[in-house]
């Protein structure tokens, strides 16, 4: 795999893990690497073919667990906004964000750890949360 493609795909995963909107990710990558948006879409939808080749599997797995931790934290913040929202539009928007984040988390788990069980998922996130508190 060419180095530029590897870098592009690594950045694509990183932006997704940060919770950015898919269309913003596509535009950012396409503009930065001066490629068509369709190429980035194809990369994303064919990620199961190249995901483990982007970098070492352990690096990807660690990065994705970090992303899952960040998404879980973001989901809690969005749910808090739902509880404290001062109007229906704000509360509906917060719930939509929570649903989107949960979908992203499920998708990430499915892609990388298709055989992961929920106990392992919770345990790994708890360990990561504890390590973040100690930093």
Protein backbone atom coordinates (compact mmCIF):
# COMPACT_ATOMS: atom_id res chain seq x y z
CA UNK A 1 0.00 0.00 0.00
CA UNK A 2 1.32 3.44 -0.91
CA UNK A 3 2.35 5.66 2.00
CA UNK A 4 -0.06 8.46 1.03
CA UNK A 5 -3.02 6.06 0.95
CA UNK A 6 -1.98 4.64 4.33
CA UNK A 7 -1.79 8.17 5.81
CA UNK A 8 -5.14 9.12 4.29
CA UNK A 9 -6.86 6.05 5.66
CA UNK A 10 -5.27 6.48 9.09
CA UNK A 11 -6.53 10.06 9.21
CA UNK A 12 -9.96 8.91 8.07
CA UNK A 13 -10.17 6.53 11.04
CA UNK A 14 -8.88 9.19 13.40
CA UNK A 15 -11.47 11.77 12.35
CA UNK A 16 -14.25 9.20 12.61
CA UNK A 17 -13.09 8.27 16.08
CA UNK A 18 -13.27 11.90 17.13
CA UNK A 19 -16.97 11.90 16.33
CA UNK A 20 -16.93 14.22 13.32
CA UNK A 21 -19.81 14.09 10.88
CA UNK A 22 -19.22 11.71 7.97
CA UNK A 23 -19.72 14.38 5.30
CA UNK A 24 -17.23 16.68 7.08
CA UNK A 25 -14.71 13.85 7.25
CA UNK A 26 -15.12 13.09 3.55
CA UNK A 27 -14.70 16.76 2.60
CA UNK A 28 -11.68 17.24 4.88
CA UNK A 29 -9.85 14.19 3.52
CA UNK A 30 -10.72 14.92 -0.11
CA UNK A 31 -9.53 18.53 0.16
CA UNK A 32 -6.34 17.70 2.05
CA UNK A 33 -5.23 14.92 -0.29
CA UNK A 34 -6.67 16.53 -3.44
CA UNK A 35 -8.75 13.52 -4.40
CA UNK A 36 -12.38 13.05 -5.35
CA UNK A 37 -14.93 12.71 -2.58
CA UNK A 38 -16.05 9.47 -4.20
CA UNK A 39 -12.60 7.98 -3.56
CA UNK A 40 -12.88 8.77 0.14
CA UNK A 41 -16.40 7.30 0.26
CA UNK A 42 -15.07 4.13 -1.36
CA UNK A 43 -12.24 3.98 1.15
CA UNK A 44 -14.69 4.27 4.03
CA UNK A 45 -17.18 1.71 2.76
CA UNK A 46 -14.42 -0.77 1.91
CA UNK A 47 -12.55 -0.31 5.20
CA UNK A 48 -12.99 -3.95 6.18
CA UNK A 49 -10.55 -4.76 3.36
CA UNK A 50 -7.76 -2.42 4.49
CA UNK A 51 -8.33 -1.69 8.16
CA UNK A 52 -5.73 -4.07 9.56
CA UNK A 53 -3.18 -3.08 6.88
CA UNK A 54 -3.20 0.61 7.81
CA UNK A 55 -0.99 -0.01 10.82
CA UNK A 56 -0.33 -2.80 13.25
CA UNK A 57 -3.47 -4.43 14.58
CA UNK A 58 -2.60 -3.57 18.20
CA UNK A 59 -2.16 0.11 17.30
CA UNK A 60 -5.54 0.16 15.58
CA UNK A 61 -7.21 -1.69 18.42
CA UNK A 62 -5.75 0.68 21.03
CA UNK A 63 -6.72 3.71 18.96
CA UNK A 64 -10.26 2.43 18.57
CA UNK A 65 -10.62 1.73 22.28
CA UNK A 66 -9.48 5.31 22.89
CA UNK A 67 -12.07 6.49 20.37
CA UNK A 68 -14.76 4.41 22.05
CA UNK A 69 -13.85 5.98 25.37
CA UNK A 70 -14.13 9.47 23.84
CA UNK A 71 -17.45 8.65 22.21
CA UNK A 72 -18.83 7.24 25.46
CA UNK A 73 -17.82 10.44 27.24
CA UNK A 74 -19.41 12.53 24.49
CA UNK A 75 -22.59 10.47 24.74
CA UNK A 76 -22.82 11.18 28.47
CA UNK A 77 -22.37 14.90 27.81
CA UNK A 78 -25.06 14.86 25.12
CA UNK A 79 -27.44 13.01 27.43
CA UNK A 80 -26.82 15.65 30.09
CA UNK A 81 -27.78 18.29 27.51
CA UNK A 82 -30.98 16.35 26.88
CA UNK A 83 -31.80 16.36 30.60
CA UNK A 84 -31.01 20.05 31.03
CA UNK A 85 -32.29 21.30 27.65
CA UNK A 86 -34.49 24.35 27.93
CA UNK A 87 -36.64 23.56 24.91
CA UNK A 88 -37.90 20.59 22.93
CA UNK A 89 -35.64 21.26 19.93
CA UNK A 90 -32.53 21.18 22.10
CA UNK A 91 -33.63 17.96 23.77
CA UNK A 92 -34.47 16.27 20.47
CA UNK A 93 -31.11 17.34 19.03
CA UNK A 94 -29.28 15.96 22.05
CA UNK A 95 -31.12 12.63 21.77
CA UNK A 96 -30.27 12.41 18.08
CA UNK A 97 -26.64 13.00 18.95
CA UNK A 98 -26.76 10.25 21.60
CA UNK A 99 -28.29 7.86 19.06
CA UNK A 100 -25.64 8.72 16.45
CA UNK A 101 -22.82 8.25 18.95
CA UNK A 102 -24.20 4.90 20.10
CA UNK A 103 -24.49 3.77 16.49
CA UNK A 104 -20.87 4.77 15.85
CA UNK A 105 -19.74 2.88 18.92
CA UNK A 106 -21.61 -0.25 17.87
CA UNK A 107 -20.23 0.02 14.36
CA UNK A 108 -16.66 0.35 15.63
CA UNK A 109 -17.03 -2.64 17.93
CA UNK A 110 -18.50 -4.72 15.14
CA UNK A 111 -15.73 -3.83 12.69
CA UNK A 112 -12.80 -4.53 14.96
CA UNK A 113 -13.99 -6.90 17.61
CA UNK A 114 -16.69 -8.92 15.92
CA UNK A 115 -16.31 -11.57 18.58
CA UNK A 116 -16.07 -9.18 21.57
CA UNK A 117 -18.52 -9.73 24.38
CA UNK A 118 -20.17 -6.92 26.30
CA UNK A 119 -18.40 -7.76 29.55
CA UNK A 120 -15.03 -7.34 27.85
CA UNK A 121 -16.23 -4.07 26.32
CA UNK A 122 -17.30 -2.66 29.68
CA UNK A 123 -14.13 -3.87 31.40
CA UNK A 124 -11.86 -2.30 28.78
CA UNK A 125 -13.70 1.01 28.95
CA UNK A 126 -13.52 1.03 32.76
CA UNK A 127 -9.77 0.41 32.64
CA UNK A 128 -9.36 3.23 30.13
CA UNK A 129 -11.49 5.58 32.24
CA UNK A 130 -9.36 4.83 35.30
CA UNK A 131 -6.15 5.45 33.39
CA UNK A 132 -7.54 8.81 32.15
CA UNK A 133 -8.41 9.85 35.72
CA UNK A 134 -4.83 9.13 36.81
CA UNK A 135 -3.24 11.24 34.04
